[in-house]
Amino acid sequence: QVQLVESGGGLVQAGGSLRLSCAASRNINSINPISWYRQAPGKQRELVAGINFRGGKDYADPVKGRFTIARDNTKFYLQMNNLKSEDTAVYYCQGRYGRVDIWGQGTQVTVSS
């Protein structure tokens, strides 16, 4: 069973930056595509950013120009700059391993205004 584990969340002031990381219990290169989601209190989980099979990147409109998704041979990442209070949420990494979608346990990001 493949597991994903996020790290890097925390409390930051508005305008600050955080980098989230997602590690896999198996070869990260076998997980494709990959995405980051978030869920704010009282709201549905939403897609934040993703990298598709061909390496193309997509972003949700609210984070375009501020967030960057990336991957290397060990982890995948979400660099978040110019954070806003509305970015406060639990952030989840998600990927497909074979035919199975797998999720991390989530990491809390809190942005104070």
PDB file of N, CA and C in Angstrom:
ATOM      1  N   GLN A   1       0.843  -1.187   0.000  1.00  0.00           N
ATOM      2  CA  GLN A   1       0.000   0.000   0.000  1.00  0.00           C
ATOM      3  C   GLN A   1       0.878   1.236   0.000  1.00  0.00           C
ATOM      4  N   VAL A   2       0.587   2.147  -0.923  1.00  0.00           N
ATOM      5  CA  VAL A   2       1.376   3.364  -1.039  1.00  0.00           C
ATOM      6  C   VAL A   2       0.767   4.436  -0.150  1.00  0.00           C
ATOM      7  N   GLN A   3       1.616   5.161   0.542  1.00  0.00           N
ATOM      8  CA  GLN A   3       1.159   6.255   1.393  1.00  0.00           C
ATOM      9  C   GLN A   3       1.825   7.556   0.990  1.00  0.00           C
ATOM     10  N   LEU A   4       1.084   8.640   1.137  1.00  0.00           N
ATOM     11  CA  LEU A   4       1.602   9.983   0.920  1.00  0.00           C
ATOM     12  C   LEU A   4       1.591  10.720   2.255  1.00  0.00           C
ATOM     13  N   VAL A   5       2.640  11.482   2.503  1.00  0.00           N
ATOM     14  CA  VAL A   5       2.743  12.224   3.754  1.00  0.00           C
ATOM     15  C   VAL A   5       3.146  13.658   3.450  1.00  0.00           C
ATOM     16  N   GLU A   6       2.288  14.602   3.865  1.00  0.00           N
ATOM     17  CA  GLU A   6       2.574  16.011   3.663  1.00  0.00           C
ATOM     18  C   GLU A   6       3.366  16.573   4.838  1.00  0.00           C
ATOM     19  N   SER A   7       4.090  17.636   4.567  1.00  0.00           N
ATOM     20  CA  SER A   7       4.765  18.393   5.612  1.00  0.00           C
ATOM     21  C   SER A   7       4.922  19.828   5.145  1.00  0.00           C
ATOM     22  N   GLY A   8       5.242  20.710   6.089  1.00  0.00           N
ATOM     23  CA  GLY A   8       5.524  22.093   5.730  1.00  0.00           C
ATOM     24  C   GLY A   8       4.436  23.090   6.074  1.00  0.00           C
ATOM     25  N   GLY A   9       3.310  22.615   6.562  1.00  0.00           N
ATOM     26  CA  GLY A   9       2.255  23.545   6.936  1.00  0.00           C
ATOM     27  C   GLY A   9       2.626  24.316   8.188  1.00  0.00           C
ATOM     28  N   GLY A  10       1.785  25.306   8.511  1.00  0.00           N
ATOM     29  CA  GLY A  10       2.040  26.091   9.711  1.00  0.00           C
ATOM     30  C   GLY A  10       1.278  27.389   9.705  1.00  0.00           C
ATOM     31  N   LEU A  11       1.683  28.265  10.602  1.00  0.00           N
ATOM     32  CA  LEU A  11       1.066  29.586  10.737  1.00  0.00           C
ATOM     33  C   LEU A  11       1.983  30.621  10.112  1.00  0.00           C
ATOM     34  N   VAL A  12       1.417  31.466   9.272  1.00  0.00           N
ATOM     35  CA  VAL A  12       2.208  32.496   8.593  1.00  0.00           C
ATOM     36  C   VAL A  12       1.367  33.768   8.489  1.00  0.00           C
ATOM     37  N   GLN A  13       2.007  34.897   8.462  1.00  0.00           N
ATOM     38  CA  GLN A  13       1.296  36.155   8.281  1.00  0.00           C
ATOM     39  C   GLN A  13       0.943  36.358   6.811  1.00  0.00           C
ATOM     40  N   ALA A  14      -0.095  37.111   6.590  1.00  0.00           N
ATOM     41  CA  ALA A  14      -0.476  37.450   5.224  1.00  0.00           C
ATOM     42  C   ALA A  14       0.708  38.085   4.500  1.00  0.00           C
ATOM     43  N   GLY A  15       0.900  37.678   3.257  1.00  0.00           N
ATOM     44  CA  GLY A  15       2.029  38.138   2.476  1.00  0.00           C
ATOM     45  C   GLY A  15       3.244  37.240   2.574  1.00  0.00           C
ATOM     46  N   GLY A  16       3.214  36.303   3.502  1.00  0.00           N
ATOM     47  CA  GLY A  16       4.338  35.396   3.687  1.00  0.00           C
ATOM     48  C   GLY A  16       4.295  34.204   2.749  1.00  0.00           C
ATOM     49  N   SER A  17       5.241  33.283   2.955  1.00  0.00           N
ATOM     50  CA  SER A  17       5.385  32.123   2.081  1.00  0.00           C
ATOM     51  C   SER A  17       5.520  30.846   2.896  1.00  0.00           C
ATOM     52  N   LEU A  18       5.096  29.757   2.295  1.00  0.00           N
ATOM     53  CA  LEU A  18       5.316  28.420   2.832  1.00  0.00           C
ATOM     54  C   LEU A  18       5.575  27.480   1.670  1.00  0.00           C
ATOM     55  N   ARG A  19       6.321  26.418   1.942  1.00  0.00           N
ATOM     56  CA  ARG A  19       6.478  25.372   0.943  1.00  0.00           C
ATOM     57  C   ARG A  19       6.018  24.055   1.538  1.00  0.00           C
ATOM     58  N   LEU A  20       5.029  23.476   0.918  1.00  0.00           N
ATOM     59  CA  LEU A  20       4.537  22.168   1.331  1.00  0.00           C
ATOM     60  C   LEU A  20       5.276  21.086   0.546  1.00  0.00           C
ATOM     61  N   SER A  21       5.527  19.977   1.212  1.00  0.00           N
ATOM     62  CA  SER A  21       6.164  18.829   0.570  1.00  0.00           C
ATOM     63  C   SER A  21       5.285  17.600   0.735  1.00  0.00           C
ATOM     64  N   CYS A  22       5.404  16.694  -0.203  1.00  0.00           N
ATOM     65  CA  CYS A  22       4.656  15.439  -0.133  1.00  0.00           C
ATOM     66  C   CYS A  22       5.604  14.312  -0.491  1.00  0.00           C
ATOM     67  N   ALA A  23       5.813  13.415   0.459  1.00  0.00           N
ATOM     68  CA  ALA A  23       6.678  12.268   0.260  1.00  0.00           C
ATOM     69  C   ALA A  23       5.827  11.012   0.105  1.00  0.00           C
ATOM     70  N   ALA A  24       6.372  10.047  -0.629  1.00  0.00           N
ATOM     71  CA  ALA A  24       5.656   8.794  -0.864  1.00  0.00           C
ATOM     72  C   ALA A  24       6.421   7.631  -0.240  1.00  0.00           C
ATOM     73  N   SER A  25       5.680   6.608   0.142  1.00  0.00           N
ATOM     74  CA  SER A  25       6.309   5.434   0.746  1.00  0.00           C
ATOM     75  C   SER A  25       6.948   4.544  -0.306  1.00  0.00           C
ATOM     76  N   ARG A  26       6.650   4.805  -1.587  1.00  0.00           N
ATOM     77  CA  ARG A  26       7.294   4.104  -2.692  1.00  0.00           C
ATOM     78  C   ARG A  26       7.826   5.124  -3.674  1.00  0.00           C
ATOM     79  N   ASN A  27       8.439   4.632  -4.726  1.00  0.00           N
ATOM     80  CA  ASN A  27       9.036   5.488  -5.745  1.00  0.00           C
ATOM     81  C   ASN A  27       8.036   6.556  -6.197  1.00  0.00           C
ATOM     82  N   ILE A  28       8.379   7.807  -5.955  1.00  0.00           N
ATOM     83  CA  ILE A  28       7.488   8.920  -6.268  1.00  0.00           C
ATOM     84  C   ILE A  28       7.216   8.974  -7.763  1.00  0.00           C
ATOM     85  N   ASN A  29       8.148   8.474  -8.574  1.00  0.00           N
ATOM     86  CA  ASN A  29       7.973   8.538 -10.022  1.00  0.00           C
ATOM     87  C   ASN A  29       6.895   7.580 -10.521  1.00  0.00           C
ATOM     88  N   SER A  30       6.455   6.658  -9.650  1.00  0.00           N
ATOM     89  CA  SER A  30       5.381   5.751 -10.027  1.00  0.00           C
ATOM     90  C   SER A  30       4.003   6.333  -9.729  1.00  0.00           C
ATOM     91  N   ILE A  31       3.975   7.533  -9.210  1.00  0.00           N
ATOM     92  CA  ILE A  31       2.730   8.210  -8.885  1.00  0.00           C
ATOM     93  C   ILE A  31       2.515   9.346  -9.880  1.00  0.00           C
ATOM     94  N   ASN A  32       1.464   9.201 -10.672  1.00  0.00           N
ATOM     95  CA  ASN A  32       1.260  10.144 -11.765  1.00  0.00           C
ATOM     96  C   ASN A  32      -0.158  10.034 -12.265  1.00  0.00           C
ATOM     97  N   PRO A  33      -0.932  11.112 -12.427  1.00  0.00           N
ATOM     98  CA  PRO A  33      -0.558  12.487 -12.125  1.00  0.00           C
ATOM     99  C   PRO A  33      -0.608  12.788 -10.625  1.00  0.00           C
ATOM    100  N   ILE A  34      -0.252  14.021 -10.275  1.00  0.00           N
ATOM    101  CA  ILE A  34      -0.258  14.450  -8.884  1.00  0.00           C
ATOM    102  C   ILE A  34      -0.982  15.786  -8.770  1.00  0.00           C
ATOM    103  N   SER A  35      -1.515  16.024  -7.591  1.00  0.00           N
ATOM    104  CA  SER A  35      -2.265  17.252  -7.368  1.00  0.00           C
ATOM    105  C   SER A  35      -2.161  17.673  -5.910  1.00  0.00           C
ATOM    106  N   TRP A  36      -2.465  18.938  -5.693  1.00  0.00           N
ATOM    107  CA  TRP A  36      -2.679  19.458  -4.348  1.00  0.00           C
ATOM    108  C   TRP A  36      -4.122  19.950  -4.269  1.00  0.00           C
ATOM    109  N   TYR A  37      -4.782  19.615  -3.174  1.00  0.00           N
ATOM    110  CA  TYR A  37      -6.135  20.068  -2.881  1.00  0.00           C
ATOM    111  C   TYR A  37      -6.106  20.798  -1.540  1.00  0.00           C
ATOM    112  N   ARG A  38      -7.184  21.532  -1.270  1.00  0.00           N
ATOM    113  CA  ARG A  38      -7.328  22.131   0.051  1.00  0.00           C
ATOM    114  C   ARG A  38      -8.793  22.139   0.457  1.00  0.00           C
ATOM    115  N   GLN A  39      -8.996  22.175   1.761  1.00  0.00           N
ATOM    116  CA  GLN A  39     -10.343  22.226   2.298  1.00  0.00           C
ATOM    117  C   GLN A  39     -10.375  23.197   3.466  1.00  0.00           C
ATOM    118  N   ALA A  40     -11.142  24.262   3.288  1.00  0.00           N
ATOM    119  CA  ALA A  40     -11.313  25.249   4.336  1.00  0.00           C
ATOM    120  C   ALA A  40     -12.513  24.852   5.198  1.00  0.00           C
ATOM    121  N   PRO A  41     -12.579  25.338   6.429  1.00  0.00           N
ATOM    122  CA  PRO A  41     -13.711  24.989   7.307  1.00  0.00           C
ATOM    123  C   PRO A  41     -15.049  25.338   6.680  1.00  0.00           C
ATOM    124  N   GLY A  42     -15.946  24.373   6.666  1.00  0.00           N
ATOM    125  CA  GLY A  42     -17.281  24.607   6.131  1.00  0.00           C
ATOM    126  C   GLY A  42     -17.374  24.624   4.624  1.00  0.00           C
ATOM    127  N   LYS A  43     -16.270  24.307   3.948  1.00  0.00           N
ATOM    128  CA  LYS A  43     -16.267  24.332   2.487  1.00  0.00           C
ATOM    129  C   LYS A  43     -15.879  22.968   1.932  1.00  0.00           C
ATOM    130  N   GLN A  44     -16.170  22.779   0.643  1.00  0.00           N
ATOM    131  CA  GLN A  44     -15.800  21.537  -0.006  1.00  0.00           C
ATOM    132  C   GLN A  44     -14.320  21.547  -0.355  1.00  0.00           C
ATOM    133  N   ARG A  45     -13.771  20.350  -0.469  1.00  0.00           N
ATOM    134  CA  ARG A  45     -12.382  20.228  -0.903  1.00  0.00           C
ATOM    135  C   ARG A  45     -12.284  20.709  -2.342  1.00  0.00           C
ATOM    136  N   GLU A  46     -11.231  21.486  -2.619  1.00  0.00           N
ATOM    137  CA  GLU A  46     -11.064  22.037  -3.958  1.00  0.00           C
ATOM    138  C   GLU A  46      -9.660  21.779  -4.485  1.00  0.00           C
ATOM    139  N   LEU A  47      -9.569  21.656  -5.803  1.00  0.00           N
ATOM    140  CA  LEU A  47      -8.280  21.464  -6.456  1.00  0.00           C
ATOM    141  C   LEU A  47      -7.526  22.784  -6.474  1.00  0.00           C
ATOM    142  N   VAL A  48      -6.275  22.732  -6.081  1.00  0.00           N
ATOM    143  CA  VAL A  48      -5.424  23.918  -6.062  1.00  0.00           C
ATOM    144  C   VAL A  48      -4.485  23.925  -7.263  1.00  0.00           C
ATOM    145  N   ALA A  49      -3.806  22.813  -7.496  1.00  0.00           N
ATOM    146  CA  ALA A  49      -2.835  22.742  -8.582  1.00  0.00           C
ATOM    147  C   ALA A  49      -2.574  21.275  -8.911  1.00  0.00           C
ATOM    148  N   GLY A  50      -2.124  21.027 -10.153  1.00  0.00           N
ATOM    149  CA  GLY A  50      -1.825  19.667 -10.553  1.00  0.00           C
ATOM    150  C   GLY A  50      -0.787  19.610 -11.648  1.00  0.00           C
ATOM    151  N   ILE A  51      -0.122  18.471 -11.736  1.00  0.00           N
ATOM    152  CA  ILE A  51       0.789  18.174 -12.836  1.00  0.00           C
ATOM    153  C   ILE A  51       0.251  16.933 -13.523  1.00  0.00           C
ATOM    154  N   ASN A  52      -0.001  17.030 -14.840  1.00  0.00           N
ATOM    155  CA  ASN A  52      -0.602  15.916 -15.553  1.00  0.00           C
ATOM    156  C   ASN A  52       0.465  14.936 -16.055  1.00  0.00           C
ATOM    157  N   PHE A  53       0.020  13.920 -16.792  1.00  0.00           N
ATOM    158  CA  PHE A  53       0.925  12.866 -17.270  1.00  0.00           C
ATOM    159  C   PHE A  53       2.061  13.414 -18.132  1.00  0.00           C
ATOM    160  N   ARG A  54       1.770  14.480 -18.857  1.00  0.00           N
ATOM    161  CA  ARG A  54       2.771  15.021 -19.775  1.00  0.00           C
ATOM    162  C   ARG A  54       3.634  16.093 -19.118  1.00  0.00           C
ATOM    163  N   GLY A  55       3.403  16.335 -17.832  1.00  0.00           N
ATOM    164  CA  GLY A  55       4.193  17.336 -17.125  1.00  0.00           C
ATOM    165  C   GLY A  55       3.594  18.727 -17.162  1.00  0.00           C
ATOM    166  N   GLY A  56       2.433  18.869 -17.779  1.00  0.00           N
ATOM    167  CA  GLY A  56       1.780  20.164 -17.809  1.00  0.00           C
ATOM    168  C   GLY A  56       1.212  20.530 -16.455  1.00  0.00           C
ATOM    169  N   LYS A  57       1.221  21.803 -16.144  1.00  0.00           N
ATOM    170  CA  LYS A  57       0.774  22.275 -14.835  1.00  0.00           C
ATOM    171  C   LYS A  57      -0.485  23.129 -14.966  1.00  0.00           C
ATOM    172  N   ASP A  58      -1.386  22.937 -14.045  1.00  0.00           N
ATOM    173  CA  ASP A  58      -2.614  23.734 -13.996  1.00  0.00           C
ATOM    174  C   ASP A  58      -2.823  24.262 -12.591  1.00  0.00           C
ATOM    175  N   TYR A  59      -3.453  25.433 -12.516  1.00  0.00           N
ATOM    176  CA  TYR A  59      -3.695  26.074 -11.228  1.00  0.00           C
ATOM    177  C   TYR A  59      -5.127  26.582 -11.156  1.00  0.00           C
ATOM    178  N   ALA A  60      -5.677  26.555  -9.951  1.00  0.00           N
ATOM    179  CA  ALA A  60      -6.971  27.195  -9.731  1.00  0.00           C
ATOM    180  C   ALA A  60      -6.791  28.707  -9.835  1.00  0.00           C
ATOM    181  N   ASP A  61      -7.813  29.375 -10.321  1.00  0.00           N
ATOM    182  CA  ASP A  61      -7.707  30.825 -10.536  1.00  0.00           C
ATOM    183  C   ASP A  61      -7.264  31.596  -9.290  1.00  0.00           C
ATOM    184  N   PRO A  62      -7.777  31.273  -8.095  1.00  0.00           N
ATOM    185  CA  PRO A  62      -7.395  32.076  -6.923  1.00  0.00           C
ATOM    186  C   PRO A  62      -5.904  32.017  -6.563  1.00  0.00           C
ATOM    187  N   VAL A  63      -5.184  31.007  -7.077  1.00  0.00           N
ATOM    188  CA  VAL A  63      -3.773  30.870  -6.684  1.00  0.00           C
ATOM    189  C   VAL A  63      -2.812  31.138  -7.835  1.00  0.00           C
ATOM    190  N   LYS A  64      -3.315  31.388  -9.016  1.00  0.00           N
ATOM    191  CA  LYS A  64      -2.441  31.633 -10.163  1.00  0.00           C
ATOM    192  C   LYS A  64      -1.537  32.834  -9.895  1.00  0.00           C
ATOM    193  N   GLY A  65      -0.269  32.637 -10.226  1.00  0.00           N
ATOM    194  CA  GLY A  65       0.695  33.705 -10.017  1.00  0.00           C
ATOM    195  C   GLY A  65       1.275  33.745  -8.617  1.00  0.00           C
ATOM    196  N   ARG A  66       0.698  32.978  -7.691  1.00  0.00           N
ATOM    197  CA  ARG A  66       1.197  32.955  -6.310  1.00  0.00           C
ATOM    198  C   ARG A  66       1.715  31.586  -5.897  1.00  0.00           C
ATOM    199  N   PHE A  67       1.114  30.520  -6.406  1.00  0.00           N
ATOM    200  CA  PHE A  67       1.499  29.159  -6.045  1.00  0.00           C
ATOM    201  C   PHE A  67       2.218  28.501  -7.219  1.00  0.00           C
ATOM    202  N   THR A  68       3.156  27.617  -6.880  1.00  0.00           N
ATOM    203  CA  THR A  68       3.866  26.849  -7.901  1.00  0.00           C
ATOM    204  C   THR A  68       3.946  25.389  -7.471  1.00  0.00           C
ATOM    205  N   ILE A  69       3.506  24.497  -8.347  1.00  0.00           N
ATOM    206  CA  ILE A  69       3.613  23.066  -8.075  1.00  0.00           C
ATOM    207  C   ILE A  69       4.847  22.535  -8.794  1.00  0.00           C
ATOM    208  N   ALA A  70       5.529  21.594  -8.157  1.00  0.00           N
ATOM    209  CA  ALA A  70       6.737  21.031  -8.745  1.00  0.00           C
ATOM    210  C   ALA A  70       6.937  19.620  -8.199  1.00  0.00           C
ATOM    211  N   ARG A  71       7.785  18.876  -8.871  1.00  0.00           N
ATOM    212  CA  ARG A  71       8.143  17.549  -8.393  1.00  0.00           C
ATOM    213  C   ARG A  71       9.587  17.268  -8.755  1.00  0.00           C
ATOM    214  N   ASP A  72      10.224  16.414  -7.963  1.00  0.00           N
ATOM    215  CA  ASP A  72      11.525  15.896  -8.329  1.00  0.00           C
ATOM    216  C   ASP A  72      11.506  14.393  -8.090  1.00  0.00           C
ATOM    217  N   ASN A  73      12.635  13.762  -7.998  1.00  0.00           N
ATOM    218  CA  ASN A  73      12.668  12.307  -7.885  1.00  0.00           C
ATOM    219  C   ASN A  73      12.354  11.792  -6.490  1.00  0.00           C
ATOM    220  N   THR A  74      12.173  12.707  -5.552  1.00  0.00           N
ATOM    221  CA  THR A  74      11.902  12.242  -4.182  1.00  0.00           C
ATOM    222  C   THR A  74      10.564  12.707  -3.631  1.00  0.00           C
ATOM    223  N   LYS A  75      10.100  13.887  -4.039  1.00  0.00           N
ATOM    224  CA  LYS A  75       8.873  14.445  -3.467  1.00  0.00           C
ATOM    225  C   LYS A  75       8.162  15.300  -4.510  1.00  0.00           C
ATOM    226  N   PHE A  76       6.952  15.718  -4.165  1.00  0.00           N
ATOM    227  CA  PHE A  76       6.389  16.826  -4.906  1.00  0.00           C
ATOM    228  C   PHE A  76       6.013  17.940  -3.926  1.00  0.00           C
ATOM    229  N   TYR A  77       5.883  19.152  -4.465  1.00  0.00           N
ATOM    230  CA  TYR A  77       5.905  20.364  -3.661  1.00  0.00           C
ATOM    231  C   TYR A  77       4.795  21.324  -4.087  1.00  0.00           C
ATOM    232  N   LEU A  78       4.480  22.208  -3.146  1.00  0.00           N
ATOM    233  CA  LEU A  78       3.623  23.352  -3.459  1.00  0.00           C
ATOM    234  C   LEU A  78       4.250  24.565  -2.794  1.00  0.00           C
ATOM    235  N   GLN A  79       4.834  25.424  -3.610  1.00  0.00           N
ATOM    236  CA  GLN A  79       5.392  26.676  -3.119  1.00  0.00           C
ATOM    237  C   GLN A  79       4.287  27.716  -3.116  1.00  0.00           C
ATOM    238  N   MET A  80       4.049  28.308  -1.958  1.00  0.00           N
ATOM    239  CA  MET A  80       2.959  29.271  -1.817  1.00  0.00           C
ATOM    240  C   MET A  80       3.528  30.611  -1.386  1.00  0.00           C
ATOM    241  N   ASN A  81       3.358  31.599  -2.230  1.00  0.00           N
ATOM    242  CA  ASN A  81       3.857  32.946  -1.957  1.00  0.00           C
ATOM    243  C   ASN A  81       2.699  33.918  -1.836  1.00  0.00           C
ATOM    244  N   ASN A  82       2.975  35.057  -1.219  1.00  0.00           N
ATOM    245  CA  ASN A  82       1.960  36.099  -1.054  1.00  0.00           C
ATOM    246  C   ASN A  82       0.657  35.502  -0.509  1.00  0.00           C
ATOM    247  N   LEU A  83       0.787  34.779   0.580  1.00  0.00           N
ATOM    248  CA  LEU A  83      -0.381  34.096   1.140  1.00  0.00           C
ATOM    249  C   LEU A  83      -1.401  35.087   1.663  1.00  0.00           C
ATOM    250  N   LYS A  84      -2.660  34.685   1.528  1.00  0.00           N
ATOM    251  CA  LYS A  84      -3.787  35.510   1.956  1.00  0.00           C
ATOM    252  C   LYS A  84      -4.601  34.734   2.996  1.00  0.00           C
ATOM    253  N   SER A  85      -5.409  35.445   3.746  1.00  0.00           N
ATOM    254  CA  SER A  85      -6.201  34.797   4.786  1.00  0.00           C
ATOM    255  C   SER A  85      -7.128  33.736   4.187  1.00  0.00           C
ATOM    256  N   GLU A  86      -7.567  33.972   2.971  1.00  0.00           N
ATOM    257  CA  GLU A  86      -8.466  32.997   2.334  1.00  0.00           C
ATOM    258  C   GLU A  86      -7.760  31.725   1.885  1.00  0.00           C
ATOM    259  N   ASP A  87      -6.446  31.683   2.006  1.00  0.00           N
ATOM    260  CA  ASP A  87      -5.696  30.451   1.721  1.00  0.00           C
ATOM    261  C   ASP A  87      -5.686  29.514   2.929  1.00  0.00           C
ATOM    262  N   THR A  88      -6.200  29.963   4.045  1.00  0.00           N
ATOM    263  CA  THR A  88      -6.243  29.114   5.236  1.00  0.00           C
ATOM    264  C   THR A  88      -7.091  27.877   4.967  1.00  0.00           C
ATOM    265  N   ALA A  89      -6.489  26.712   5.177  1.00  0.00           N
ATOM    266  CA  ALA A  89      -7.168  25.445   4.882  1.00  0.00           C
ATOM    267  C   ALA A  89      -6.253  24.290   5.279  1.00  0.00           C
ATOM    268  N   VAL A  90      -6.810  23.100   5.231  1.00  0.00           N
ATOM    269  CA  VAL A  90      -5.994  21.892   5.285  1.00  0.00           C
ATOM    270  C   VAL A  90      -5.639  21.532   3.849  1.00  0.00           C
ATOM    271  N   TYR A  91      -4.360  21.333   3.604  1.00  0.00           N
ATOM    272  CA  TYR A  91      -3.867  21.037   2.266  1.00  0.00           C
ATOM    273  C   TYR A  91      -3.523  19.549   2.168  1.00  0.00           C
ATOM    274  N   TYR A  92      -3.959  18.943   1.070  1.00  0.00           N
ATOM    275  CA  TYR A  92      -3.758  17.515   0.839  1.00  0.00           C
ATOM    276  C   TYR A  92      -3.011  17.296  -0.471  1.00  0.00           C
ATOM    277  N   CYS A  93      -2.055  16.378  -0.466  1.00  0.00           N
ATOM    278  CA  CYS A  93      -1.491  15.932  -1.732  1.00  0.00           C
ATOM    279  C   CYS A  93      -2.253  14.691  -2.168  1.00  0.00           C
ATOM    280  N   GLN A  94      -2.334  14.530  -3.459  1.00  0.00           N
ATOM    281  CA  GLN A  94      -3.096  13.432  -4.042  1.00  0.00           C
ATOM    282  C   GLN A  94      -2.380  12.961  -5.299  1.00  0.00           C
ATOM    283  N   GLY A  95      -2.387  11.652  -5.520  1.00  0.00           N
ATOM    284  CA  GLY A  95      -1.777  11.119  -6.714  1.00  0.00           C
ATOM    285  C   GLY A  95      -2.408   9.808  -7.120  1.00  0.00           C
ATOM    286  N   ARG A  96      -2.124   9.412  -8.334  1.00  0.00           N
ATOM    287  CA  ARG A  96      -2.631   8.134  -8.841  1.00  0.00           C
ATOM    288  C   ARG A  96      -1.487   7.135  -8.929  1.00  0.00           C
ATOM    289  N   TYR A  97      -1.709   5.994  -8.289  1.00  0.00           N
ATOM    290  CA  TYR A  97      -0.729   4.903  -8.325  1.00  0.00           C
ATOM    291  C   TYR A  97      -1.415   3.734  -9.000  1.00  0.00           C
ATOM    292  N   GLY A  98      -1.025   3.468 -10.233  1.00  0.00           N
ATOM    293  CA  GLY A  98      -1.747   2.464 -11.001  1.00  0.00           C
ATOM    294  C   GLY A  98      -3.163   2.950 -11.262  1.00  0.00           C
ATOM    295  N   ARG A  99      -4.143   2.234 -10.732  1.00  0.00           N
ATOM    296  CA  ARG A  99      -5.531   2.624 -10.904  1.00  0.00           C
ATOM    297  C   ARG A  99      -6.128   3.203  -9.635  1.00  0.00           C
ATOM    298  N   VAL A 100      -5.306   3.423  -8.645  1.00  0.00           N
ATOM    299  CA  VAL A 100      -5.795   3.850  -7.332  1.00  0.00           C
ATOM    300  C   VAL A 100      -5.416   5.295  -7.053  1.00  0.00           C
ATOM    301  N   ASP A 101      -6.375   6.077  -6.614  1.00  0.00           N
ATOM    302  CA  ASP A 101      -6.101   7.432  -6.148  1.00  0.00           C
ATOM    303  C   ASP A 101      -5.744   7.379  -4.668  1.00  0.00           C
ATOM    304  N   ILE A 102      -4.635   7.968  -4.322  1.00  0.00           N
ATOM    305  CA  ILE A 102      -4.177   7.973  -2.942  1.00  0.00           C
ATOM    306  C   ILE A 102      -4.074   9.403  -2.426  1.00  0.00           C
ATOM    307  N   TRP A 103      -4.280   9.567  -1.129  1.00  0.00           N
ATOM    308  CA  TRP A 103      -4.300  10.874  -0.495  1.00  0.00           C
ATOM    309  C   TRP A 103      -3.402  10.892   0.736  1.00  0.00           C
ATOM    310  N   GLY A 104      -2.813  12.045   0.979  1.00  0.00           N
ATOM    311  CA  GLY A 104      -2.121  12.240   2.225  1.00  0.00           C
ATOM    312  C   GLY A 104      -3.103  12.576   3.331  1.00  0.00           C
ATOM    313  N   GLN A 105      -2.585  12.723   4.544  1.00  0.00           N
ATOM    314  CA  GLN A 105      -3.450  12.966   5.694  1.00  0.00           C
ATOM    315  C   GLN A 105      -3.785  14.441   5.863  1.00  0.00           C
ATOM    316  N   GLY A 106      -3.090  15.296   5.161  1.00  0.00           N
ATOM    317  CA  GLY A 106      -3.346  16.727   5.210  1.00  0.00           C
ATOM    318  C   GLY A 106      -2.410  17.466   6.142  1.00  0.00           C
ATOM    319  N   THR A 107      -2.161  18.716   5.807  1.00  0.00           N
ATOM    320  CA  THR A 107      -1.349  19.585   6.656  1.00  0.00           C
ATOM    321  C   THR A 107      -2.039  20.945   6.742  1.00  0.00           C
ATOM    322  N   GLN A 108      -2.107  21.483   7.941  1.00  0.00           N
ATOM    323  CA  GLN A 108      -2.840  22.732   8.166  1.00  0.00           C
ATOM    324  C   GLN A 108      -1.988  23.938   7.775  1.00  0.00           C
ATOM    325  N   VAL A 109      -2.593  24.822   7.012  1.00  0.00           N
ATOM    326  CA  VAL A 109      -1.988  26.116   6.694  1.00  0.00           C
ATOM    327  C   VAL A 109      -2.921  27.193   7.229  1.00  0.00           C
ATOM    328  N   THR A 110      -2.389  28.052   8.086  1.00  0.00           N
ATOM    329  CA  THR A 110      -3.174  29.132   8.658  1.00  0.00           C
ATOM    330  C   THR A 110      -2.485  30.453   8.348  1.00  0.00           C
ATOM    331  N   VAL A 111      -3.220  31.352   7.713  1.00  0.00           N
ATOM    332  CA  VAL A 111      -2.679  32.658   7.342  1.00  0.00           C
ATOM    333  C   VAL A 111      -3.374  33.714   8.180  1.00  0.00           C
ATOM    334  N   SER A 112      -2.599  34.434   8.967  1.00  0.00           N
ATOM    335  CA  SER A 112      -3.172  35.475   9.819  1.00  0.00           C
ATOM    336  C   SER A 112      -3.106  36.818   9.103  1.00  0.00           C
ATOM    337  N   SER A 113      -4.154  37.576   9.267  1.00  0.00           N
ATOM    338  CA  SER A 113      -4.210  38.878   8.580  1.00  0.00           C
ATOM    339  C   SER A 113      -3.749  40.000   9.489  1.00  0.00           C
TER     340      SER A 113
END
